[in-house]
Amino acid sequence: MKRMPRFLSKLGKKPKLGNKIGKMIALPKENQILVIKYPRLEMKTLEKLKNELKSVPIATSWLLSDLDQFKGKQELYNKQSPQKLKKLKEHALIESSISSNRMEGVNVAQARIETVLFGNSLLKDRDEEEIRGYQKALRWIHESHYKIDINLETILKLHQMSRGELWDAGKLKEKQIDITEILPNGKFRIRFKPPGVSESKSLLLKLIETYNEEIKEKHIPHLILLVAFNFDFLCIHPFRDGNGRVSRLLLLLQLYKLGFEIGRFISLERIIEENKDRYYETLEQSSGNWHESKNNIWPYCNYVLFILKESFKQLDSRLESLPNSKGNKSDLIQDFVQNSTAPFRIADIKYNLPGVSLDLIRKILKDLQKEKKVKNLGRGRNAEWQKI
């Protein structure tokens, strides 16, 4: 653990330690001294598991068992469906870049997605910078995960990449930031108060050290260690902004290092976004009494394990739905429409046929509409279509 910052005063005395910060004591003017009381660096979730974990809840054990079985099928996927997996990669990259940023209020127009993610043209605004930066961070992890260490340098680089050209990219926070929620009535509620500036860096370094030590051992399931790291990182909240996105990039990287390649083919960020209410609920449930190291990690742990299990289930479903042969793309779209039994969106076709462009999907639907084989049920990006 790093030493507390050196205390400077006219009298040159050491600070008293306690649980309050920045308390001024009134003394004669010539002897005034600012006494700063630092909170004690309590044992946090990962350290607590290391020292106290004796058993794992039954629900968690079942999830771990399911994930172990899915992990064992990965080699089979690679042998039997290499072409199908190749089609899923770019689609997952797009979904991850959009969903992770959209959770933080960063958006891009649908028509600009391919330009932002795959083009070299100038970007229009800060949101586009962050989305392109996140995509670059994803590519770095996908291509180089085997040689990327879990350390402070990596965390700062992921933040720098995902924040684009913003002034605070790759820099730890310089002032206290509270995690707030906007209520329906427009008022703010503080959901969580992260550690202060100096304490957060010490806790982050300790978290990295403990994780790298414990991941070499086998007495705690490695996926639980991963979740505890991810959770403590979010509670430490080391950056002014972008903590959630960096946590999801770290999740992907650490999964790779544990032998789980699912994030290459299925967007974990999209599934998290689809279940974001539960994400925020479990974060709040598990962060109660975190500062005192008396929090309950299991709600958040089970949530993350559920996300991983769901991603494998979706991979199975996607591999089954993709055609075995390359086939004609126009025919694939028409087959999808012909086999549909309920209204569908353009996004549904794209999801099931990731190798087909949006322009071609729109063209085929317009042709089918002229032939009175489908009808449009609405307007806009999320408009539904129905087979006649």
Protein backbone atom coordinates (compact mmCIF):
# COMPACT_ATOMS: atom_id res chain seq x y z
CA MET A 1 0.00 0.00 0.00
CA LYS A 2 1.32 3.42 -0.87
CA ARG A 3 2.22 5.93 1.83
CA MET A 4 -0.25 8.68 2.57
CA PRO A 5 0.62 12.01 0.95
CA ARG A 6 3.26 13.93 2.89
CA PHE A 7 1.66 16.42 5.22
CA LEU A 8 2.92 20.02 4.97
CA SER A 9 2.39 22.60 7.67
CA LYS A 10 4.03 25.54 9.37
CA LEU A 11 4.71 23.39 12.41
CA GLY A 12 5.89 20.38 10.45
CA LYS A 13 3.78 17.96 12.50
CA LYS A 14 2.22 14.75 11.21
CA PRO A 15 -1.53 14.62 10.61
CA LYS A 16 -3.88 12.79 12.93
CA LEU A 17 -5.61 9.84 11.31
CA GLY A 18 -9.34 9.22 11.47
CA ASN A 19 -12.48 9.00 9.36
CA LYS A 20 -13.14 12.62 8.41
CA ILE A 21 -11.49 14.71 5.75
CA GLY A 22 -10.49 18.35 5.75
CA LYS A 23 -11.43 19.42 9.27
CA MET A 24 -10.04 22.83 10.35
CA ILE A 25 -9.06 23.35 13.98
CA ALA A 26 -9.14 26.91 15.32
CA LEU A 27 -5.78 27.85 16.86
CA PRO A 28 -3.99 31.14 17.42
CA LYS A 29 -3.16 32.63 14.04
CA GLU A 30 0.57 32.13 14.42
CA ASN A 31 0.08 28.42 15.14
CA GLN A 32 -2.76 27.57 12.74
CA ILE A 33 -2.48 24.14 11.19
CA LEU A 34 -4.72 22.22 8.79
CA VAL A 35 -5.33 18.76 10.23
CA ILE A 36 -6.39 16.28 7.57
CA LYS A 37 -7.91 13.03 8.78
CA TYR A 38 -7.59 10.27 6.21
CA PRO A 39 -10.05 7.38 6.07
CA ARG A 40 -8.41 4.06 6.83
CA LEU A 41 -7.91 1.88 3.74
CA GLU A 42 -10.28 -0.94 4.66
CA MET A 43 -10.13 -4.38 3.09
CA LYS A 44 -12.35 -4.31 -0.03
CA THR A 45 -14.30 -7.03 -1.88
CA LEU A 46 -11.44 -8.85 -3.58
CA GLU A 47 -9.25 -8.75 -0.50
CA LYS A 48 -12.21 -9.86 1.61
CA LEU A 49 -12.84 -12.89 -0.60
CA LYS A 50 -9.17 -13.76 -0.43
CA ASN A 51 -9.20 -13.80 3.36
CA GLU A 52 -12.73 -14.88 4.25
CA LEU A 53 -14.40 -16.89 1.45
CA LYS A 54 -15.41 -20.32 2.75
CA SER A 55 -18.25 -21.27 0.43
CA VAL A 56 -20.05 -20.11 -2.71
CA PRO A 57 -23.87 -19.68 -2.85
CA ILE A 58 -25.69 -22.52 -4.63
CA ALA A 59 -27.04 -20.24 -7.39
CA THR A 60 -23.52 -19.02 -8.10
CA SER A 61 -22.20 -22.59 -8.17
CA TRP A 62 -24.77 -23.58 -10.79
CA LEU A 63 -23.83 -20.62 -12.98
CA LEU A 64 -20.13 -21.47 -12.69
CA SER A 65 -20.85 -25.07 -13.66
CA ASP A 66 -22.86 -24.00 -16.72
CA LEU A 67 -20.12 -21.63 -17.83
CA ASP A 68 -17.50 -24.31 -17.44
CA GLN A 69 -19.48 -26.52 -19.84
CA PHE A 70 -19.87 -23.69 -22.36
CA LYS A 71 -16.16 -22.97 -22.16
CA GLY A 72 -15.45 -26.58 -23.07
CA LYS A 73 -17.49 -26.22 -26.28
CA GLN A 74 -15.38 -23.31 -27.63
CA GLU A 75 -12.87 -25.53 -29.42
CA LEU A 76 -15.77 -27.39 -31.05
CA TYR A 77 -17.22 -24.08 -32.30
CA ASN A 78 -13.88 -23.12 -33.85
CA LYS A 79 -13.54 -26.48 -35.63
CA GLN A 80 -17.11 -26.88 -36.88
CA SER A 81 -18.19 -23.31 -37.63
CA PRO A 82 -15.16 -21.15 -38.55
CA GLN A 83 -16.96 -19.32 -41.38
CA LYS A 84 -20.00 -18.60 -39.22
CA LEU A 85 -17.81 -17.27 -36.40
CA LYS A 86 -16.01 -15.00 -38.85
CA LYS A 87 -19.33 -13.41 -39.81
CA LEU A 88 -20.16 -12.75 -36.16
CA LYS A 89 -16.91 -10.93 -35.30
CA GLU A 90 -17.49 -7.59 -37.02
CA HIS A 91 -21.13 -7.56 -35.97
CA ALA A 92 -20.13 -8.00 -32.32
CA LEU A 93 -17.55 -5.24 -32.67
CA ILE A 94 -20.20 -2.80 -33.91
CA GLU A 95 -22.73 -3.74 -31.23
CA SER A 96 -20.17 -3.48 -28.43
CA SER A 97 -18.93 -0.06 -29.53
CA ILE A 98 -22.46 1.34 -29.77
CA SER A 99 -24.03 -0.30 -26.69
CA SER A 100 -21.23 0.42 -24.21
CA ASN A 101 -21.20 4.11 -25.14
CA ARG A 102 -24.98 4.39 -25.34
CA MET A 103 -25.21 3.26 -21.70
CA GLU A 104 -23.21 6.37 -20.81
CA GLY A 105 -25.35 8.70 -22.94
CA VAL A 106 -22.93 8.72 -25.90
CA ASN A 107 -24.77 8.21 -29.21
CA VAL A 108 -24.20 8.29 -32.96
CA ALA A 109 -26.71 8.56 -35.80
CA GLN A 110 -27.56 5.20 -37.41
CA ALA A 111 -26.45 6.47 -40.82
CA ARG A 112 -23.01 7.39 -39.43
CA ILE A 113 -22.17 4.10 -37.68
CA GLU A 114 -20.15 2.47 -40.46
CA THR A 115 -18.34 5.73 -41.25
CA VAL A 116 -17.42 6.30 -37.60
CA LEU A 117 -16.30 2.73 -36.93
CA PHE A 118 -14.65 1.77 -40.20
CA GLY A 119 -13.97 5.00 -42.09
CA ASN A 120 -11.11 7.49 -42.01
CA SER A 121 -13.15 10.66 -42.47
CA LEU A 122 -13.24 13.51 -39.97
CA LEU A 123 -15.56 12.97 -37.03
CA LYS A 124 -18.39 15.38 -36.32
CA ASP A 125 -18.40 15.58 -32.52
CA ARG A 126 -17.09 14.27 -29.22
CA ASP A 127 -19.54 11.35 -29.16
CA GLU A 128 -18.18 10.05 -32.45
CA GLU A 129 -14.62 10.38 -31.12
CA GLU A 130 -15.45 8.26 -28.08
CA ILE A 131 -17.25 5.58 -30.09
CA ARG A 132 -14.38 5.25 -32.57
CA GLY A 133 -11.91 5.21 -29.68
CA TYR A 134 -13.83 2.41 -27.93
CA GLN A 135 -13.78 0.38 -31.13
CA LYS A 136 -9.99 0.80 -31.34
CA ALA A 137 -9.68 -0.40 -27.74
CA LEU A 138 -11.80 -3.45 -28.56
CA ARG A 139 -9.62 -4.29 -31.56
CA TRP A 140 -6.48 -3.94 -29.45
CA ILE A 141 -7.86 -6.44 -26.92
CA HIS A 142 -9.11 -8.89 -29.57
CA GLU A 143 -5.79 -8.87 -31.41
CA SER A 144 -3.28 -8.57 -28.55
CA HIS A 145 -4.95 -9.86 -25.37
CA TYR A 146 -2.32 -12.57 -24.90
CA LYS A 147 0.41 -9.96 -24.36
CA ILE A 148 -1.55 -7.29 -22.44
CA ASP A 149 -0.93 -7.33 -18.70
CA ILE A 150 -3.48 -6.34 -16.07
CA ASN A 151 -1.74 -3.31 -14.61
CA LEU A 152 -2.17 0.44 -14.15
CA GLU A 153 -0.53 1.18 -17.51
CA THR A 154 -3.12 -0.97 -19.32
CA ILE A 155 -6.02 0.61 -17.46
CA LEU A 156 -4.81 4.11 -18.30
CA LYS A 157 -4.32 3.15 -21.95
CA LEU A 158 -7.84 1.69 -22.21
CA HIS A 159 -9.22 4.91 -20.74
CA GLN A 160 -7.16 7.03 -23.12
CA MET A 161 -8.29 5.05 -26.16
CA SER A 162 -11.97 4.99 -25.20
CA ARG A 163 -12.08 8.73 -24.40
CA GLY A 164 -10.79 9.87 -27.77
CA GLU A 165 -9.10 13.27 -27.74
CA LEU A 166 -10.69 14.53 -24.52
CA TRP A 167 -8.46 16.41 -22.09
CA ASP A 168 -8.80 13.84 -19.28
CA ALA A 169 -8.13 10.79 -21.45
CA GLY A 170 -5.74 8.42 -19.65
CA LYS A 171 -5.68 10.51 -16.46
CA LEU A 172 -6.90 9.52 -13.03
CA LYS A 173 -9.48 11.82 -11.47
CA GLU A 174 -8.24 15.01 -9.84
CA LYS A 175 -11.26 15.71 -7.64
CA GLN A 176 -14.00 13.81 -5.83
CA ILE A 177 -16.81 12.57 -8.09
CA ASP A 178 -20.07 11.15 -6.70
CA ILE A 179 -22.17 8.61 -8.62
CA THR A 180 -25.61 10.17 -8.99
CA GLU A 181 -29.00 9.24 -10.41
CA ILE A 182 -31.57 11.57 -11.95
CA LEU A 183 -35.00 10.81 -10.48
CA PRO A 184 -38.27 11.09 -12.45
CA ASN A 185 -39.00 14.42 -10.74
CA GLY A 186 -35.71 15.84 -12.05
CA LYS A 187 -33.91 15.77 -8.70
CA PHE A 188 -30.57 14.08 -8.12
CA ARG A 189 -29.86 11.21 -5.75
CA ILE A 190 -26.37 10.10 -4.75
CA ARG A 191 -26.20 6.36 -5.41
CA PHE A 192 -22.64 5.93 -4.19
CA LYS A 193 -19.75 8.00 -2.90
CA PRO A 194 -16.45 6.62 -4.27
CA PRO A 195 -13.16 7.06 -2.39
CA GLY A 196 -11.31 10.36 -2.57
CA VAL A 197 -8.56 11.16 -5.06
CA SER A 198 -5.47 9.97 -3.18
CA GLU A 199 -7.21 6.98 -1.64
CA SER A 200 -8.63 5.78 -4.96
CA LYS A 201 -5.20 5.42 -6.55
CA SER A 202 -3.89 3.45 -3.57
CA LEU A 203 -6.93 1.18 -3.67
CA LEU A 204 -6.61 0.68 -7.43
CA LEU A 205 -2.96 -0.34 -7.14
CA LYS A 206 -3.81 -2.72 -4.30
CA LEU A 207 -6.68 -4.19 -6.32
CA ILE A 208 -4.38 -4.88 -9.29
CA GLU A 209 -1.74 -6.42 -7.05
CA THR A 210 -4.21 -8.69 -5.23
CA TYR A 211 -5.90 -9.84 -8.44
CA ASN A 212 -2.61 -10.74 -10.14
CA GLU A 213 -1.55 -12.69 -7.05
CA GLU A 214 -4.82 -14.56 -6.56
CA ILE A 215 -5.38 -15.43 -10.23
CA LYS A 216 -2.29 -17.66 -10.00
CA GLU A 217 -3.96 -19.67 -7.24
CA LYS A 218 -6.92 -22.06 -7.42
CA HIS A 219 -8.68 -21.79 -4.08
CA ILE A 220 -11.15 -19.14 -5.38
CA PRO A 221 -12.97 -19.71 -8.71
CA HIS A 222 -11.30 -17.42 -11.23
CA LEU A 223 -14.58 -16.03 -12.57
CA ILE A 224 -15.48 -14.88 -9.05
CA LEU A 225 -12.10 -13.15 -8.79
CA LEU A 226 -12.79 -11.47 -12.13
CA VAL A 227 -16.22 -10.22 -10.98
CA ALA A 228 -14.80 -8.97 -7.67
CA PHE A 229 -12.09 -7.05 -9.53
CA ASN A 230 -14.66 -5.57 -11.90
CA PHE A 231 -16.92 -4.58 -9.02
CA ASP A 232 -14.19 -3.02 -6.89
CA PHE A 233 -12.94 -1.10 -9.92
CA LEU A 234 -16.40 0.43 -10.39
CA CYS A 235 -16.60 1.33 -6.69
CA ILE A 236 -13.12 2.89 -6.68
CA HIS A 237 -14.23 4.96 -9.69
CA PRO A 238 -10.68 6.09 -10.55
CA PHE A 239 -11.58 8.36 -13.49
CA ARG A 240 -13.61 11.54 -13.83
CA ASP A 241 -15.69 9.86 -16.54
CA GLY A 242 -15.57 6.64 -18.54
CA ASN A 243 -15.29 4.20 -15.62
CA GLY A 244 -18.14 2.00 -16.86
CA ARG A 245 -16.66 1.68 -20.34
CA VAL A 246 -13.19 0.85 -19.02
CA SER A 247 -14.72 -1.76 -16.69
CA ARG A 248 -16.37 -3.48 -19.65
CA LEU A 249 -13.13 -3.43 -21.65
CA LEU A 250 -11.30 -4.93 -18.67
CA LEU A 251 -14.02 -7.58 -18.37
CA LEU A 252 -13.40 -8.59 -21.99
CA LEU A 253 -9.63 -8.65 -21.53
CA GLN A 254 -9.77 -10.68 -18.32
CA LEU A 255 -12.20 -13.17 -19.87
CA TYR A 256 -9.73 -13.74 -22.70
CA LYS A 257 -6.99 -14.40 -20.18
CA LEU A 258 -9.20 -16.96 -18.42
CA GLY A 259 -9.80 -18.75 -21.73
CA PHE A 260 -13.26 -17.35 -22.52
CA GLU A 261 -13.43 -16.06 -26.12
CA ILE A 262 -17.17 -15.36 -26.15
CA GLY A 263 -16.69 -11.56 -26.33
CA ARG A 264 -15.12 -11.94 -29.78
CA PHE A 265 -18.37 -13.27 -31.28
CA ILE A 266 -21.18 -11.97 -29.09
CA SER A 267 -21.39 -8.42 -27.75
CA LEU A 268 -21.30 -8.60 -23.95
CA GLU A 269 -21.98 -4.85 -23.88
CA ARG A 270 -25.21 -5.26 -25.83
CA ILE A 271 -26.52 -7.92 -23.43
CA ILE A 272 -25.55 -5.73 -20.46
CA GLU A 273 -27.39 -2.80 -22.04
CA GLU A 274 -30.46 -4.96 -22.64
CA ASN A 275 -30.38 -5.82 -18.93
CA LYS A 276 -29.15 -2.44 -17.67
CA ASP A 277 -31.89 -1.98 -15.06
CA ARG A 278 -30.69 -5.13 -13.34
CA TYR A 279 -27.10 -3.97 -13.81
CA TYR A 280 -27.71 -0.79 -11.82
CA GLU A 281 -29.87 -2.61 -9.26
CA THR A 282 -27.23 -5.22 -8.45
CA LEU A 283 -24.48 -2.61 -8.38
CA GLU A 284 -26.41 -0.71 -5.73
CA GLN A 285 -27.30 -3.87 -3.81
CA SER A 286 -23.69 -5.04 -3.70
CA SER A 287 -22.13 -1.64 -2.96
CA GLY A 288 -23.95 -1.12 0.35
CA ASN A 289 -21.35 -0.89 3.15
CA TRP A 290 -18.53 -1.27 0.62
CA HIS A 291 -16.42 1.34 2.39
CA GLU A 292 -16.57 -0.75 5.58
CA SER A 293 -15.90 -3.99 3.64
CA LYS A 294 -19.25 -5.40 4.75
CA ASN A 295 -20.90 -5.47 1.34
CA ASN A 296 -22.55 -8.48 -0.34
CA ILE A 297 -20.90 -9.19 -3.69
CA TRP A 298 -23.24 -12.02 -4.74
CA PRO A 299 -26.09 -10.03 -6.38
CA TYR A 300 -23.62 -8.38 -8.77
CA CYS A 301 -21.60 -11.58 -9.17
CA ASN A 302 -24.65 -13.59 -10.22
CA TYR A 303 -25.66 -10.82 -12.61
CA VAL A 304 -22.31 -10.88 -14.45
CA LEU A 305 -22.31 -14.68 -14.58
CA PHE A 306 -25.85 -14.56 -15.99
CA ILE A 307 -24.63 -12.16 -18.71
CA LEU A 308 -21.87 -14.59 -19.65
CA LYS A 309 -24.25 -17.56 -19.72
CA GLU A 310 -26.73 -15.60 -21.85
CA SER A 311 -23.96 -14.69 -24.29
CA PHE A 312 -23.10 -18.37 -24.82
CA LYS A 313 -26.78 -19.23 -25.30
CA GLN A 314 -27.06 -16.50 -27.91
CA LEU A 315 -23.94 -17.79 -29.65
CA ASP A 316 -25.55 -21.22 -29.93
CA SER A 317 -28.71 -19.65 -31.33
CA ARG A 318 -26.84 -17.47 -33.83
CA LEU A 319 -24.71 -20.35 -35.10
CA GLU A 320 -27.83 -22.44 -35.69
CA SER A 321 -29.60 -19.62 -37.57
CA LEU A 322 -26.70 -18.79 -39.89
CA PRO A 323 -26.67 -20.73 -43.19
CA ASN A 324 -23.94 -23.31 -43.68
CA SER A 325 -23.10 -22.17 -47.19
CA LYS A 326 -22.27 -18.69 -48.33
CA GLY A 327 -25.42 -18.55 -50.45
CA ASN A 328 -26.94 -15.55 -52.19
CA LYS A 329 -27.43 -12.68 -49.73
CA SER A 330 -30.67 -11.56 -51.36
CA ASP A 331 -32.04 -15.09 -51.03
CA LEU A 332 -31.03 -15.19 -47.38
CA ILE A 333 -33.03 -12.02 -46.69
CA GLN A 334 -36.06 -13.34 -48.54
CA ASP A 335 -35.82 -16.64 -46.65
CA PHE A 336 -35.79 -14.74 -43.36
CA VAL A 337 -38.92 -12.82 -44.36
CA GLN A 338 -40.66 -15.94 -45.65
CA ASN A 339 -39.98 -17.84 -42.42
CA SER A 340 -41.02 -15.00 -40.11
CA THR A 341 -44.20 -15.60 -38.11
CA ALA A 342 -44.38 -12.21 -36.38
CA PRO A 343 -43.56 -8.57 -37.21
CA PHE A 344 -39.83 -7.90 -37.52
CA ARG A 345 -37.45 -4.94 -37.82
CA ILE A 346 -34.54 -4.32 -40.15
CA ALA A 347 -32.32 -4.69 -37.09
CA ASP A 348 -33.69 -8.23 -36.56
CA ILE A 349 -32.62 -9.24 -40.07
CA LYS A 350 -29.20 -7.67 -39.54
CA TYR A 351 -28.84 -9.45 -36.20
CA ASN A 352 -29.56 -12.85 -37.76
CA LEU A 353 -27.63 -12.15 -40.98
CA PRO A 354 -24.59 -10.13 -39.83
CA GLY A 355 -22.83 -10.55 -43.18
CA VAL A 356 -25.59 -8.71 -45.04
CA SER A 357 -25.47 -4.92 -45.45
CA LEU A 358 -28.26 -2.62 -44.26
CA ASP A 359 -28.57 -1.12 -47.75
CA LEU A 360 -29.28 -4.52 -49.27
CA ILE A 361 -31.84 -5.35 -46.57
CA ARG A 362 -33.69 -2.08 -47.23
CA LYS A 363 -33.60 -2.68 -51.01
CA ILE A 364 -35.00 -6.21 -50.74
CA LEU A 365 -37.77 -5.07 -48.37
CA LYS A 366 -38.78 -2.27 -50.78
CA ASP A 367 -38.84 -4.75 -53.66
CA LEU A 368 -40.98 -7.15 -51.63
CA GLN A 369 -43.26 -4.26 -50.66
CA LYS A 370 -43.82 -3.41 -54.34
CA GLU A 371 -44.66 -7.06 -54.95
CA LYS A 372 -47.13 -6.85 -52.02
CA LYS A 373 -45.32 -9.59 -50.13
CA VAL A 374 -44.58 -7.43 -47.08
CA LYS A 375 -46.01 -4.29 -45.55
CA ASN A 376 -44.43 -1.56 -43.46
CA LEU A 377 -46.14 -1.06 -40.10
CA GLY A 378 -44.47 2.20 -39.11
CA ARG A 379 -41.77 4.79 -39.72
CA GLY A 380 -38.26 5.41 -38.51
CA ARG A 381 -35.35 3.20 -37.55
CA ASN A 382 -37.40 0.84 -35.36
CA ALA A 383 -40.34 0.48 -37.78
CA GLU A 384 -41.71 -3.04 -38.01
CA TRP A 385 -42.42 -5.04 -41.15
CA GLN A 386 -44.81 -7.94 -41.63
CA LYS A 387 -45.13 -10.72 -44.18
CA ILE A 388 -48.41 -10.57 -46.14
